[in-house]
């Protein structure tokens, strides 16, 4: 699952839909691994090109975390040198701290480094962010938040091994944060360690049962390992949390299709299309489900629609060619096969 990039991101990160949740965060565009194909005359395509239309399916937040209460406690209380209370001055809103005021107030150096790193991270300068986070953990080797944030920066740089190391150190210091398990799972998925990723997503969900991002990421990983019943269970939970998430309706439909439950697949793909009328992948997948049901006219209409939305969708041309061939239109079928081959070779 190489979707960097719901990273996104998630995303993300979303990754990794890299790639998109943790709401409102940037998300990695999803690689459409749920694409389903009818019998091919050429080598069967397993993935289509990455498109923005699937971007929220894998979501992993890569934005800086709101500072927890223990950080606030280190900045609280009356400072003798200034005779004011931190909360009266409010130098830190825990998303955009004023570094100069922190220095004037005598905040510890490692905290200043951490917040400076957060600012560099938000600005997209991940190398400088990593340098500041490193200074923070050198100043305080038990600073779990700094390891977590440095892991996020490594993830942005696609340094997945280093990200995993930092997430693991953060977990060893504080194993109660669901987000760290979710992010480490995403990094592991990007390295192809799908079963380990599922374990991490499951830990995140155990800590936070309504954690939509981790459920979305786990459902993707489960789909990749062929555990379709579990995919459906996770998608059921996600739909209860996010009933307007078109990609999850598409994912559940893909799982039904893999189980040869074509009518249920058509129903879910149709729901995805109702939510997002330009969802080429859902039209493509519904077309294949119609094909399996022997509804060739409906299958052809859906493939036409998928190609109209995304003229570079190679699998849609190949699958439309199969439909046309069965319908007896061999000339048009040959033209579609040729176009699919041309697009795949680009």
C-alpha atoms as a PDB file:
ATOM      1  CA  UNK A   1       0.000   0.000   0.000  1.00  0.00           C
ATOM      2  CA  UNK A   2       2.065   2.819  -1.245  1.00  0.00           C
ATOM      3  CA  UNK A   3      -0.307   5.726  -1.241  1.00  0.00           C
ATOM      4  CA  UNK A   4       1.736   8.718  -0.488  1.00  0.00           C
ATOM      5  CA  UNK A   5       1.289  10.154  -0.621  1.00  0.00           C
ATOM      6  CA  UNK A   6      -6.953  10.096   4.230  1.00  0.00           C
ATOM      7  CA  UNK A   7      -0.286  12.170   3.987  1.00  0.00           C
ATOM      8  CA  UNK A   8      -2.938  12.221   4.624  1.00  0.00           C
ATOM      9  CA  UNK A   9      -1.501  12.204   4.362  1.00  0.00           C
ATOM     10  CA  UNK A  10      -4.030  11.641   6.701  1.00  0.00           C
ATOM     11  CA  UNK A  11      -3.291  12.001   5.530  1.00  0.00           C
ATOM     12  CA  UNK A  12      -2.272   9.990   5.501  1.00  0.00           C
ATOM     13  CA  UNK A  13      -1.778   9.680   6.135  1.00  0.00           C
ATOM     14  CA  UNK A  14      -4.884   8.832   5.051  1.00  0.00           C
ATOM     15  CA  UNK A  15      -3.442   7.483   3.776  1.00  0.00           C
ATOM     16  CA  UNK A  16      -2.003   5.677   3.286  1.00  0.00           C
ATOM     17  CA  UNK A  17      -5.599   7.441   2.244  1.00  0.00           C
ATOM     18  CA  UNK A  18      -0.963   7.902   3.023  1.00  0.00           C
ATOM     19  CA  UNK A  19      -3.029   9.048   1.008  1.00  0.00           C
ATOM     20  CA  UNK A  20      -6.994  10.179   4.385  1.00  0.00           C
ATOM     21  CA  UNK A  21      -8.902  10.974  10.331  1.00  0.00           C
ATOM     22  CA  UNK A  22      -8.865  12.964  13.799  1.00  0.00           C
ATOM     23  CA  UNK A  23     -11.056  15.190  11.704  1.00  0.00           C
ATOM     24  CA  UNK A  24     -10.033  17.953   9.354  1.00  0.00           C
ATOM     25  CA  UNK A  25      -6.495  16.830   8.741  1.00  0.00           C
ATOM     26  CA  UNK A  26      -4.569  16.429   5.573  1.00  0.00           C
ATOM     27  CA  UNK A  27      -4.882  12.996   4.115  1.00  0.00           C
ATOM     28  CA  UNK A  28      -2.876  10.722   1.848  1.00  0.00           C
ATOM     29  CA  UNK A  29      -4.614   9.845  -1.398  1.00  0.00           C
ATOM     30  CA  UNK A  30      -5.804   6.271  -1.538  1.00  0.00           C
ATOM     31  CA  UNK A  31      -4.359   3.885  -4.049  1.00  0.00           C
ATOM     32  CA  UNK A  32      -7.484   2.166  -5.365  1.00  0.00           C
ATOM     33  CA  UNK A  33      -6.639  -1.371  -4.357  1.00  0.00           C
ATOM     34  CA  UNK A  34     -10.338  -2.142  -4.167  1.00  0.00           C
ATOM     35  CA  UNK A  35     -10.691  -1.911  -7.910  1.00  0.00           C
ATOM     36  CA  UNK A  36     -12.457  -5.022  -9.135  1.00  0.00           C
ATOM     37  CA  UNK A  37     -12.021  -6.338 -12.627  1.00  0.00           C
ATOM     38  CA  UNK A  38     -13.805  -8.713 -14.955  1.00  0.00           C
ATOM     39  CA  UNK A  39     -11.894 -11.307 -16.923  1.00  0.00           C
ATOM     40  CA  UNK A  40      -9.069  -9.693 -18.874  1.00  0.00           C
ATOM     41  CA  UNK A  41      -7.633 -10.637 -22.239  1.00  0.00           C
ATOM     42  CA  UNK A  42      -4.304  -9.119 -21.291  1.00  0.00           C
ATOM     43  CA  UNK A  43      -2.569  -9.338 -17.924  1.00  0.00           C
ATOM     44  CA  UNK A  44      -5.061  -8.326 -15.255  1.00  0.00           C
ATOM     45  CA  UNK A  45      -4.534  -4.910 -13.763  1.00  0.00           C
ATOM     46  CA  UNK A  46      -4.394  -4.921  -9.995  1.00  0.00           C
ATOM     47  CA  UNK A  47      -4.220  -1.194  -9.311  1.00  0.00           C
ATOM     48  CA  UNK A  48      -5.220   1.963 -11.109  1.00  0.00           C
ATOM     49  CA  UNK A  49      -3.430   5.240 -11.084  1.00  0.00           C
ATOM     50  CA  UNK A  50      -3.723   7.301  -7.903  1.00  0.00           C
ATOM     51  CA  UNK A  51      -6.567   9.779  -8.153  1.00  0.00           C
ATOM     52  CA  UNK A  52      -7.900  12.466  -5.883  1.00  0.00           C
ATOM     53  CA  UNK A  53     -11.361  10.928  -5.978  1.00  0.00           C
ATOM     54  CA  UNK A  54     -10.404   8.316  -3.382  1.00  0.00           C
ATOM     55  CA  UNK A  55      -8.476  10.618  -1.122  1.00  0.00           C
ATOM     56  CA  UNK A  56     -10.353  10.107   2.126  1.00  0.00           C
ATOM     57  CA  UNK A  57     -10.298   6.342   2.133  1.00  0.00           C
ATOM     58  CA  UNK A  58      -7.042   6.076   3.974  1.00  0.00           C
ATOM     59  CA  UNK A  59      -6.658   8.797   6.517  1.00  0.00           C
ATOM     60  CA  UNK A  60      -3.765   9.404   8.811  1.00  0.00           C
ATOM     61  CA  UNK A  61      -3.263  12.768  10.425  1.00  0.00           C
ATOM     62  CA  UNK A  62       0.135  14.268   9.899  1.00  0.00           C
ATOM     63  CA  UNK A  63      -0.529  17.566  11.502  1.00  0.00           C
ATOM     64  CA  UNK A  64       0.914  18.532  14.833  1.00  0.00           C
ATOM     65  CA  UNK A  65      -0.951  17.393  17.889  1.00  0.00           C
ATOM     66  CA  UNK A  66      -2.623  19.679  20.335  1.00  0.00           C
ATOM     67  CA  UNK A  67      -0.353  19.836  23.356  1.00  0.00           C
ATOM     68  CA  UNK A  68      -1.611  17.646  26.201  1.00  0.00           C
ATOM     69  CA  UNK A  69      -2.330  18.719  29.733  1.00  0.00           C
ATOM     70  CA  UNK A  70       1.070  17.710  31.085  1.00  0.00           C
ATOM     71  CA  UNK A  71       2.704  20.264  28.795  1.00  0.00           C
ATOM     72  CA  UNK A  72       0.359  22.921  30.064  1.00  0.00           C
ATOM     73  CA  UNK A  73       1.320  22.076  33.616  1.00  0.00           C
ATOM     74  CA  UNK A  74       4.964  22.727  32.837  1.00  0.00           C
ATOM     75  CA  UNK A  75       4.048  26.220  31.651  1.00  0.00           C
ATOM     76  CA  UNK A  76       1.547  27.011  34.391  1.00  0.00           C
ATOM     77  CA  UNK A  77       1.852  28.881  37.639  1.00  0.00           C
ATOM     78  CA  UNK A  78       3.228  32.279  38.609  1.00  0.00           C
ATOM     79  CA  UNK A  79       6.631  33.174  37.199  1.00  0.00           C
ATOM     80  CA  UNK A  80       8.581  35.227  39.793  1.00  0.00           C
ATOM     81  CA  UNK A  81      10.618  37.125  37.224  1.00  0.00           C
ATOM     82  CA  UNK A  82       7.519  38.544  35.589  1.00  0.00           C
ATOM     83  CA  UNK A  83       4.940  38.481  38.361  1.00  0.00           C
ATOM     84  CA  UNK A  84       2.235  37.210  36.050  1.00  0.00           C
ATOM     85  CA  UNK A  85       0.416  33.962  35.590  1.00  0.00           C
ATOM     86  CA  UNK A  86       1.010  31.995  32.406  1.00  0.00           C
ATOM     87  CA  UNK A  87      -2.684  31.631  31.767  1.00  0.00           C
ATOM     88  CA  UNK A  88      -3.179  35.377  32.056  1.00  0.00           C
ATOM     89  CA  UNK A  89      -0.536  35.997  29.415  1.00  0.00           C
ATOM     90  CA  UNK A  90      -1.639  32.945  27.426  1.00  0.00           C
ATOM     91  CA  UNK A  91       1.614  32.726  25.475  1.00  0.00           C
ATOM     92  CA  UNK A  92       0.696  29.340  24.007  1.00  0.00           C
ATOM     93  CA  UNK A  93      -2.547  28.408  22.356  1.00  0.00           C
ATOM     94  CA  UNK A  94      -1.077  24.935  21.934  1.00  0.00           C
ATOM     95  CA  UNK A  95      -1.303  25.240  18.162  1.00  0.00           C
ATOM     96  CA  UNK A  96       0.549  28.470  17.447  1.00  0.00           C
ATOM     97  CA  UNK A  97       2.789  29.343  20.415  1.00  0.00           C
ATOM     98  CA  UNK A  98       4.739  32.595  20.566  1.00  0.00           C
ATOM     99  CA  UNK A  99       8.301  31.341  20.980  1.00  0.00           C
ATOM    100  CA  UNK A 100       9.722  34.706  22.025  1.00  0.00           C
ATOM    101  CA  UNK A 101       7.218  35.066  24.849  1.00  0.00           C
ATOM    102  CA  UNK A 102       8.017  31.526  25.956  1.00  0.00           C
ATOM    103  CA  UNK A 103      11.697  32.464  26.146  1.00  0.00           C
ATOM    104  CA  UNK A 104      10.928  35.627  28.092  1.00  0.00           C
ATOM    105  CA  UNK A 105       8.871  33.616  30.538  1.00  0.00           C
ATOM    106  CA  UNK A 106      11.754  31.250  31.174  1.00  0.00           C
ATOM    107  CA  UNK A 107      10.220  28.104  29.663  1.00  0.00           C
ATOM    108  CA  UNK A 108      12.557  25.125  29.648  1.00  0.00           C
ATOM    109  CA  UNK A 109      14.788  24.840  26.599  1.00  0.00           C
ATOM    110  CA  UNK A 110      13.474  21.459  25.499  1.00  0.00           C
ATOM    111  CA  UNK A 111       9.905  22.819  25.445  1.00  0.00           C
ATOM    112  CA  UNK A 112      10.984  25.783  23.357  1.00  0.00           C
ATOM    113  CA  UNK A 113      12.666  23.376  20.933  1.00  0.00           C
ATOM    114  CA  UNK A 114       9.520  21.267  20.771  1.00  0.00           C
ATOM    115  CA  UNK A 115       7.218  24.184  19.983  1.00  0.00           C
ATOM    116  CA  UNK A 116       9.716  25.564  17.484  1.00  0.00           C
ATOM    117  CA  UNK A 117       9.672  22.155  15.802  1.00  0.00           C
ATOM    118  CA  UNK A 118       5.890  22.297  15.650  1.00  0.00           C
ATOM    119  CA  UNK A 119       6.083  25.605  13.826  1.00  0.00           C
ATOM    120  CA  UNK A 120       8.600  24.271  11.314  1.00  0.00           C
ATOM    121  CA  UNK A 121       6.401  21.212  10.827  1.00  0.00           C
ATOM    122  CA  UNK A 122       3.343  23.312  10.031  1.00  0.00           C
ATOM    123  CA  UNK A 123       5.445  25.339   7.595  1.00  0.00           C
ATOM    124  CA  UNK A 124       6.445  22.131   5.804  1.00  0.00           C
ATOM    125  CA  UNK A 125      10.150  22.365   6.727  1.00  0.00           C
ATOM    126  CA  UNK A 126      10.491  18.834   8.058  1.00  0.00           C
ATOM    127  CA  UNK A 127      14.275  18.799   8.290  1.00  0.00           C
ATOM    128  CA  UNK A 128      14.298  21.798  10.626  1.00  0.00           C
ATOM    129  CA  UNK A 129      11.359  20.340  12.541  1.00  0.00           C
ATOM    130  CA  UNK A 130      13.291  17.105  13.069  1.00  0.00           C
ATOM    131  CA  UNK A 131      16.327  19.049  14.300  1.00  0.00           C
ATOM    132  CA  UNK A 132      14.187  20.864  16.888  1.00  0.00           C
ATOM    133  CA  UNK A 133      12.382  17.709  18.003  1.00  0.00           C
ATOM    134  CA  UNK A 134      15.765  16.035  18.374  1.00  0.00           C
ATOM    135  CA  UNK A 135      16.934  18.900  20.575  1.00  0.00           C
ATOM    136  CA  UNK A 136      13.791  18.434  22.637  1.00  0.00           C
ATOM    137  CA  UNK A 137      14.391  14.715  23.246  1.00  0.00           C
ATOM    138  CA  UNK A 138      18.075  15.354  23.980  1.00  0.00           C
ATOM    139  CA  UNK A 139      16.903  17.824  26.628  1.00  0.00           C
ATOM    140  CA  UNK A 140      14.310  15.398  27.964  1.00  0.00           C
ATOM    141  CA  UNK A 141      14.621  11.750  26.989  1.00  0.00           C
ATOM    142  CA  UNK A 142      11.183  10.949  28.441  1.00  0.00           C
ATOM    143  CA  UNK A 143       9.345  13.503  26.315  1.00  0.00           C
ATOM    144  CA  UNK A 144       6.911  11.172  24.522  1.00  0.00           C
ATOM    145  CA  UNK A 145       5.222  13.965  22.569  1.00  0.00           C
ATOM    146  CA  UNK A 146       8.497  14.981  20.918  1.00  0.00           C
ATOM    147  CA  UNK A 147       9.174  11.429  19.756  1.00  0.00           C
ATOM    148  CA  UNK A 148       5.624  11.284  18.394  1.00  0.00           C
ATOM    149  CA  UNK A 149       6.001  14.568  16.519  1.00  0.00           C
ATOM    150  CA  UNK A 150       9.423  13.615  15.169  1.00  0.00           C
ATOM    151  CA  UNK A 151       7.880  10.364  13.957  1.00  0.00           C
ATOM    152  CA  UNK A 152       5.287  12.408  12.066  1.00  0.00           C
ATOM    153  CA  UNK A 153       8.034  14.424  10.395  1.00  0.00           C
ATOM    154  CA  UNK A 154       9.878  11.247   9.383  1.00  0.00           C
ATOM    155  CA  UNK A 155       6.598   9.941   8.006  1.00  0.00           C
ATOM    156  CA  UNK A 156       6.240  13.066   5.888  1.00  0.00           C
ATOM    157  CA  UNK A 157       9.698  12.389   4.505  1.00  0.00           C
ATOM    158  CA  UNK A 158       8.735   8.757   3.830  1.00  0.00           C
ATOM    159  CA  UNK A 159      11.436   7.587   6.219  1.00  0.00           C
ATOM    160  CA  UNK A 160       9.157   4.866   7.507  1.00  0.00           C
ATOM    161  CA  UNK A 161      11.742   2.938   9.491  1.00  0.00           C
ATOM    162  CA  UNK A 162      12.734   6.034  11.460  1.00  0.00           C
ATOM    163  CA  UNK A 163       9.097   6.970  11.946  1.00  0.00           C
ATOM    164  CA  UNK A 164       8.378   3.518  13.372  1.00  0.00           C
ATOM    165  CA  UNK A 165      11.349   3.818  15.728  1.00  0.00           C
ATOM    166  CA  UNK A 166      10.114   7.142  17.094  1.00  0.00           C
ATOM    167  CA  UNK A 167       6.509   5.987  17.417  1.00  0.00           C
ATOM    168  CA  UNK A 168       7.732   2.918  19.285  1.00  0.00           C
ATOM    169  CA  UNK A 169       9.774   5.072  21.677  1.00  0.00           C
ATOM    170  CA  UNK A 170       6.739   7.279  22.252  1.00  0.00           C
ATOM    171  CA  UNK A 171       4.591   4.203  22.945  1.00  0.00           C
ATOM    172  CA  UNK A 172       7.186   2.815  25.361  1.00  0.00           C
ATOM    173  CA  UNK A 173       7.004   6.082  27.306  1.00  0.00           C
ATOM    174  CA  UNK A 174       3.226   6.461  27.085  1.00  0.00           C
ATOM    175  CA  UNK A 175       1.243   3.586  25.611  1.00  0.00           C
ATOM    176  CA  UNK A 176      -2.152   5.174  26.119  1.00  0.00           C
ATOM    177  CA  UNK A 177      -2.407   7.313  22.986  1.00  0.00           C
ATOM    178  CA  UNK A 178      -4.451   5.700  20.231  1.00  0.00           C
ATOM    179  CA  UNK A 179      -3.089   8.078  17.599  1.00  0.00           C
ATOM    180  CA  UNK A 180       0.479   6.836  17.942  1.00  0.00           C
ATOM    181  CA  UNK A 181      -0.573   3.250  17.228  1.00  0.00           C
ATOM    182  CA  UNK A 182      -2.594   4.420  14.223  1.00  0.00           C
ATOM    183  CA  UNK A 183       0.362   6.348  12.795  1.00  0.00           C
ATOM    184  CA  UNK A 184       2.803   3.512  13.425  1.00  0.00           C
ATOM    185  CA  UNK A 185       0.355   1.172  11.720  1.00  0.00           C
ATOM    186  CA  UNK A 186       0.288   3.439   8.698  1.00  0.00           C
ATOM    187  CA  UNK A 187       4.098   3.533   8.520  1.00  0.00           C
ATOM    188  CA  UNK A 188       4.193  -0.248   8.768  1.00  0.00           C
ATOM    189  CA  UNK A 189       1.608  -0.561   6.011  1.00  0.00           C
ATOM    190  CA  UNK A 190       3.728   1.651   3.788  1.00  0.00           C
ATOM    191  CA  UNK A 191       6.613  -0.787   4.313  1.00  0.00           C
ATOM    192  CA  UNK A 192       4.405  -3.714   3.360  1.00  0.00           C
ATOM    193  CA  UNK A 193       4.150  -4.975   6.958  1.00  0.00           C
ATOM    194  CA  UNK A 194       0.394  -5.354   6.644  1.00  0.00           C
ATOM    195  CA  UNK A 195      -0.216  -7.790   9.496  1.00  0.00           C
ATOM    196  CA  UNK A 196       1.788  -5.649  11.928  1.00  0.00           C
ATOM    197  CA  UNK A 197      -0.160  -2.636  10.693  1.00  0.00           C
ATOM    198  CA  UNK A 198      -3.445  -4.413  11.449  1.00  0.00           C
ATOM    199  CA  UNK A 199      -2.202  -5.138  14.977  1.00  0.00           C
ATOM    200  CA  UNK A 200      -1.420  -1.456  15.527  1.00  0.00           C
ATOM    201  CA  UNK A 201      -4.740  -0.271  14.119  1.00  0.00           C
ATOM    202  CA  UNK A 202      -6.484  -2.773  16.389  1.00  0.00           C
ATOM    203  CA  UNK A 203      -4.632  -1.404  19.438  1.00  0.00           C
ATOM    204  CA  UNK A 204      -5.672   2.113  18.462  1.00  0.00           C
ATOM    205  CA  UNK A 205      -9.305   1.025  18.156  1.00  0.00           C
ATOM    206  CA  UNK A 206      -9.153  -0.771  21.506  1.00  0.00           C
ATOM    207  CA  UNK A 207      -8.025   2.489  23.098  1.00  0.00           C
ATOM    208  CA  UNK A 208     -10.584   4.600  21.228  1.00  0.00           C
ATOM    209  CA  UNK A 209     -13.554   2.588  19.977  1.00  0.00           C
ATOM    210  CA  UNK A 210     -14.952   5.359  17.777  1.00  0.00           C
ATOM    211  CA  UNK A 211     -11.622   6.112  16.105  1.00  0.00           C
ATOM    212  CA  UNK A 212     -12.783   6.373  12.492  1.00  0.00           C
ATOM    213  CA  UNK A 213      -9.298   6.892  11.058  1.00  0.00           C
ATOM    214  CA  UNK A 214      -7.927   3.691  12.535  1.00  0.00           C
ATOM    215  CA  UNK A 215     -11.019   1.773  11.442  1.00  0.00           C
ATOM    216  CA  UNK A 216     -10.615   3.126   7.908  1.00  0.00           C
ATOM    217  CA  UNK A 217      -6.937   2.238   7.817  1.00  0.00           C
ATOM    218  CA  UNK A 218      -7.575  -1.233   9.248  1.00  0.00           C
ATOM    219  CA  UNK A 219     -10.343  -1.921   6.747  1.00  0.00           C
ATOM    220  CA  UNK A 220      -7.917  -1.119   3.932  1.00  0.00           C
ATOM    221  CA  UNK A 221      -5.246  -3.411   5.352  1.00  0.00           C
ATOM    222  CA  UNK A 222      -7.779  -6.192   5.915  1.00  0.00           C
ATOM    223  CA  UNK A 223      -8.949  -5.812   2.329  1.00  0.00           C
ATOM    224  CA  UNK A 224      -5.383  -6.237   1.116  1.00  0.00           C
ATOM    225  CA  UNK A 225      -5.049  -9.475   3.087  1.00  0.00           C
ATOM    226  CA  UNK A 226      -8.335 -10.862   1.773  1.00  0.00           C
ATOM    227  CA  UNK A 227     -10.205 -10.819   5.101  1.00  0.00           C
ATOM    228  CA  UNK A 228     -13.429  -9.598   3.522  1.00  0.00           C
ATOM    229  CA  UNK A 229     -15.809 -10.476   6.362  1.00  0.00           C
ATOM    230  CA  UNK A 230     -13.731  -8.343   8.712  1.00  0.00           C
ATOM    231  CA  UNK A 231     -13.597  -5.563   6.117  1.00  0.00           C
ATOM    232  CA  UNK A 232     -17.390  -5.542   6.047  1.00  0.00           C
ATOM    233  CA  UNK A 233     -17.544  -5.426   9.861  1.00  0.00           C
ATOM    234  CA  UNK A 234     -15.190  -2.441   9.975  1.00  0.00           C
ATOM    235  CA  UNK A 235     -17.032  -0.676   7.160  1.00  0.00           C
ATOM    236  CA  UNK A 236     -20.321  -1.169   9.046  1.00  0.00           C
ATOM    237  CA  UNK A 237     -18.797   0.637  12.025  1.00  0.00           C
ATOM    238  CA  UNK A 238     -17.338   3.410   9.872  1.00  0.00           C
ATOM    239  CA  UNK A 239     -20.632   3.992   8.059  1.00  0.00           C
ATOM    240  CA  UNK A 240     -22.364   4.433  11.414  1.00  0.00           C
ATOM    241  CA  UNK A 241     -19.759   7.083  12.255  1.00  0.00           C
ATOM    242  CA  UNK A 242     -19.482   8.627   8.792  1.00  0.00           C
ATOM    243  CA  UNK A 243     -22.542   7.769   6.686  1.00  0.00           C
ATOM    244  CA  UNK A 244     -21.455  10.172   3.927  1.00  0.00           C
ATOM    245  CA  UNK A 245     -18.043   8.574   3.390  1.00  0.00           C
ATOM    246  CA  UNK A 246     -18.353   7.466  -0.252  1.00  0.00           C
ATOM    247  CA  UNK A 247     -15.059   5.590  -0.266  1.00  0.00           C
ATOM    248  CA  UNK A 248     -16.166   3.335   2.565  1.00  0.00           C
ATOM    249  CA  UNK A 249     -19.395   2.440   0.751  1.00  0.00           C
ATOM    250  CA  UNK A 250     -17.162   1.612  -2.227  1.00  0.00           C
ATOM    251  CA  UNK A 251     -14.842  -0.448  -0.043  1.00  0.00           C
ATOM    252  CA  UNK A 252     -17.670  -2.434   1.496  1.00  0.00           C
ATOM    253  CA  UNK A 253     -19.127  -2.968  -1.962  1.00  0.00           C
ATOM    254  CA  UNK A 254     -15.747  -4.259  -3.113  1.00  0.00           C
ATOM    255  CA  UNK A 255     -15.682  -6.709  -0.207  1.00  0.00           C
ATOM    256  CA  UNK A 256     -19.191  -7.931  -1.088  1.00  0.00           C
ATOM    257  CA  UNK A 257     -18.052  -8.345  -4.690  1.00  0.00           C
ATOM    258  CA  UNK A 258     -15.079 -10.453  -3.603  1.00  0.00           C
ATOM    259  CA  UNK A 259     -17.537 -12.641  -1.681  1.00  0.00           C
ATOM    260  CA  UNK A 260     -19.642 -12.971  -4.890  1.00  0.00           C
ATOM    261  CA  UNK A 261     -22.501 -11.079  -3.243  1.00  0.00           C
ATOM    262  CA  UNK A 262     -23.040  -9.031  -6.393  1.00  0.00           C
ATOM    263  CA  UNK A 263     -26.435  -7.530  -5.559  1.00  0.00           C
ATOM    264  CA  UNK A 264     -25.132  -6.240  -2.218  1.00  0.00           C
ATOM    265  CA  UNK A 265     -22.087  -4.908  -4.046  1.00  0.00           C
ATOM    266  CA  UNK A 266     -24.273  -3.023  -6.536  1.00  0.00           C
ATOM    267  CA  UNK A 267     -26.259  -1.517  -3.665  1.00  0.00           C
ATOM    268  CA  UNK A 268     -23.131  -0.218  -1.914  1.00  0.00           C
ATOM    269  CA  UNK A 269     -21.536   1.114  -5.102  1.00  0.00           C
ATOM    270  CA  UNK A 270     -24.806   2.890  -5.877  1.00  0.00           C
ATOM    271  CA  UNK A 271     -24.753   4.533  -2.447  1.00  0.00           C
ATOM    272  CA  UNK A 272     -21.183   5.690  -3.064  1.00  0.00           C
ATOM    273  CA  UNK A 273     -22.252   7.219  -6.376  1.00  0.00           C
ATOM    274  CA  UNK A 274     -25.224   8.980  -4.744  1.00  0.00           C
ATOM    275  CA  UNK A 275     -22.823  10.629  -2.322  1.00  0.00           C
ATOM    276  CA  UNK A 276     -20.227  11.483  -4.960  1.00  0.00           C
ATOM    277  CA  UNK A 277     -21.570  11.710  -8.482  1.00  0.00           C
ATOM    278  CA  UNK A 278     -18.140  11.874 -10.111  1.00  0.00           C
ATOM    279  CA  UNK A 279     -16.736   8.779  -8.388  1.00  0.00           C
ATOM    280  CA  UNK A 280     -15.189   7.001 -11.380  1.00  0.00           C
ATOM    281  CA  UNK A 281     -13.931   4.038  -9.363  1.00  0.00           C
ATOM    282  CA  UNK A 282     -17.407   3.313  -7.968  1.00  0.00           C
ATOM    283  CA  UNK A 283     -18.923   3.455 -11.470  1.00  0.00           C
ATOM    284  CA  UNK A 284     -16.164   1.101 -12.671  1.00  0.00           C
ATOM    285  CA  UNK A 285     -16.777  -1.313  -9.794  1.00  0.00           C
ATOM    286  CA  UNK A 286     -20.549  -1.229 -10.146  1.00  0.00           C
ATOM    287  CA  UNK A 287     -20.130  -1.905 -13.848  1.00  0.00           C
ATOM    288  CA  UNK A 288     -18.179  -5.046 -13.024  1.00  0.00           C
ATOM    289  CA  UNK A 289     -20.824  -6.154 -10.551  1.00  0.00           C
ATOM    290  CA  UNK A 290     -23.530  -5.641 -13.208  1.00  0.00           C
ATOM    291  CA  UNK A 291     -21.369  -7.677 -15.597  1.00  0.00           C
ATOM    292  CA  UNK A 292     -21.227 -10.521 -13.074  1.00  0.00           C
ATOM    293  CA  UNK A 293     -25.008 -10.381 -12.792  1.00  0.00           C
ATOM    294  CA  UNK A 294     -25.341 -10.580 -16.589  1.00  0.00           C
ATOM    295  CA  UNK A 295     -26.720  -7.021 -16.846  1.00  0.00           C
ATOM    296  CA  UNK A 296     -24.549  -6.058 -19.816  1.00  0.00           C
ATOM    297  CA  UNK A 297     -26.340  -2.830 -20.788  1.00  0.00           C
ATOM    298  CA  UNK A 298     -26.029  -1.508 -17.229  1.00  0.00           C
ATOM    299  CA  UNK A 299     -22.424  -2.660 -17.061  1.00  0.00           C
ATOM    300  CA  UNK A 300     -21.611  -0.845 -20.306  1.00  0.00           C
ATOM    301  CA  UNK A 301     -23.336   2.345 -19.132  1.00  0.00           C
ATOM    302  CA  UNK A 302     -21.292   2.387 -15.928  1.00  0.00           C
ATOM    303  CA  UNK A 303     -18.004   1.809 -17.750  1.00  0.00           C
ATOM    304  CA  UNK A 304     -18.876   4.617 -20.151  1.00  0.00           C
ATOM    305  CA  UNK A 305     -19.515   6.884 -17.194  1.00  0.00           C
ATOM    306  CA  UNK A 306     -16.223   5.896 -15.493  1.00  0.00           C
ATOM    307  CA  UNK A 307     -14.294   6.704 -18.676  1.00  0.00           C
ATOM    308  CA  UNK A 308     -16.131  10.004 -19.155  1.00  0.00           C
ATOM    309  CA  UNK A 309     -15.108  11.055 -15.650  1.00  0.00           C
ATOM    310  CA  UNK A 310     -11.547   9.727 -15.931  1.00  0.00           C
ATOM    311  CA  UNK A 311     -10.401   9.303 -19.558  1.00  0.00           C
ATOM    312  CA  UNK A 312      -7.092   7.825 -18.328  1.00  0.00           C
ATOM    313  CA  UNK A 313      -8.708   4.955 -16.412  1.00  0.00           C
ATOM    314  CA  UNK A 314      -6.965   2.019 -18.121  1.00  0.00           C
ATOM    315  CA  UNK A 315      -8.892  -0.724 -16.327  1.00  0.00           C
ATOM    316  CA  UNK A 316     -12.210   0.814 -17.341  1.00  0.00           C
ATOM    317  CA  UNK A 317     -11.204   0.604 -21.015  1.00  0.00           C
ATOM    318  CA  UNK A 318     -10.086  -2.998 -20.604  1.00  0.00           C
ATOM    319  CA  UNK A 319     -13.253  -4.006 -18.795  1.00  0.00           C
ATOM    320  CA  UNK A 320     -15.464  -2.134 -21.249  1.00  0.00           C
ATOM    321  CA  UNK A 321     -13.661  -4.049 -23.986  1.00  0.00           C
ATOM    322  CA  UNK A 322     -14.635  -7.323 -22.319  1.00  0.00           C
ATOM    323  CA  UNK A 323     -18.262  -6.214 -22.109  1.00  0.00           C
ATOM    324  CA  UNK A 324     -18.310  -5.112 -25.758  1.00  0.00           C
ATOM    325  CA  UNK A 325     -16.728  -8.380 -26.843  1.00  0.00           C
ATOM    326  CA  UNK A 326     -19.433 -10.398 -25.048  1.00  0.00           C
ATOM    327  CA  UNK A 327     -22.032  -8.160 -26.693  1.00  0.00           C
ATOM    328  CA  UNK A 328     -20.518  -8.984 -30.104  1.00  0.00           C
ATOM    329  CA  UNK A 329     -18.962  -5.588 -30.830  1.00  0.00           C
ATOM    330  CA  UNK A 330     -15.456  -6.889 -31.521  1.00  0.00           C
ATOM    331  CA  UNK A 331     -14.180  -3.814 -33.343  1.00  0.00           C
ATOM    332  CA  UNK A 332     -14.959  -1.465 -30.463  1.00  0.00           C
ATOM    333  CA  UNK A 333     -13.667  -4.055 -28.004  1.00  0.00           C
ATOM    334  CA  UNK A 334     -10.323  -4.204 -29.818  1.00  0.00           C
ATOM    335  CA  UNK A 335     -10.079  -0.413 -29.747  1.00  0.00           C
ATOM    336  CA  UNK A 336     -10.663  -0.398 -25.985  1.00  0.00           C
ATOM    337  CA  UNK A 337      -8.059  -3.101 -25.374  1.00  0.00           C
ATOM    338  CA  UNK A 338      -5.548  -1.092 -27.412  1.00  0.00           C
ATOM    339  CA  UNK A 339      -6.298   2.075 -25.442  1.00  0.00           C
ATOM    340  CA  UNK A 340      -5.966   0.226 -22.129  1.00  0.00           C
ATOM    341  CA  UNK A 341      -2.582  -1.144 -23.221  1.00  0.00           C
ATOM    342  CA  UNK A 342      -1.434   2.341 -24.300  1.00  0.00           C
ATOM    343  CA  UNK A 343      -2.441   3.875 -20.956  1.00  0.00           C
ATOM    344  CA  UNK A 344      -0.799   1.077 -18.959  1.00  0.00           C
ATOM    345  CA  UNK A 345       2.491   1.525 -20.826  1.00  0.00           C
ATOM    346  CA  UNK A 346       2.756   5.256 -20.120  1.00  0.00           C
END
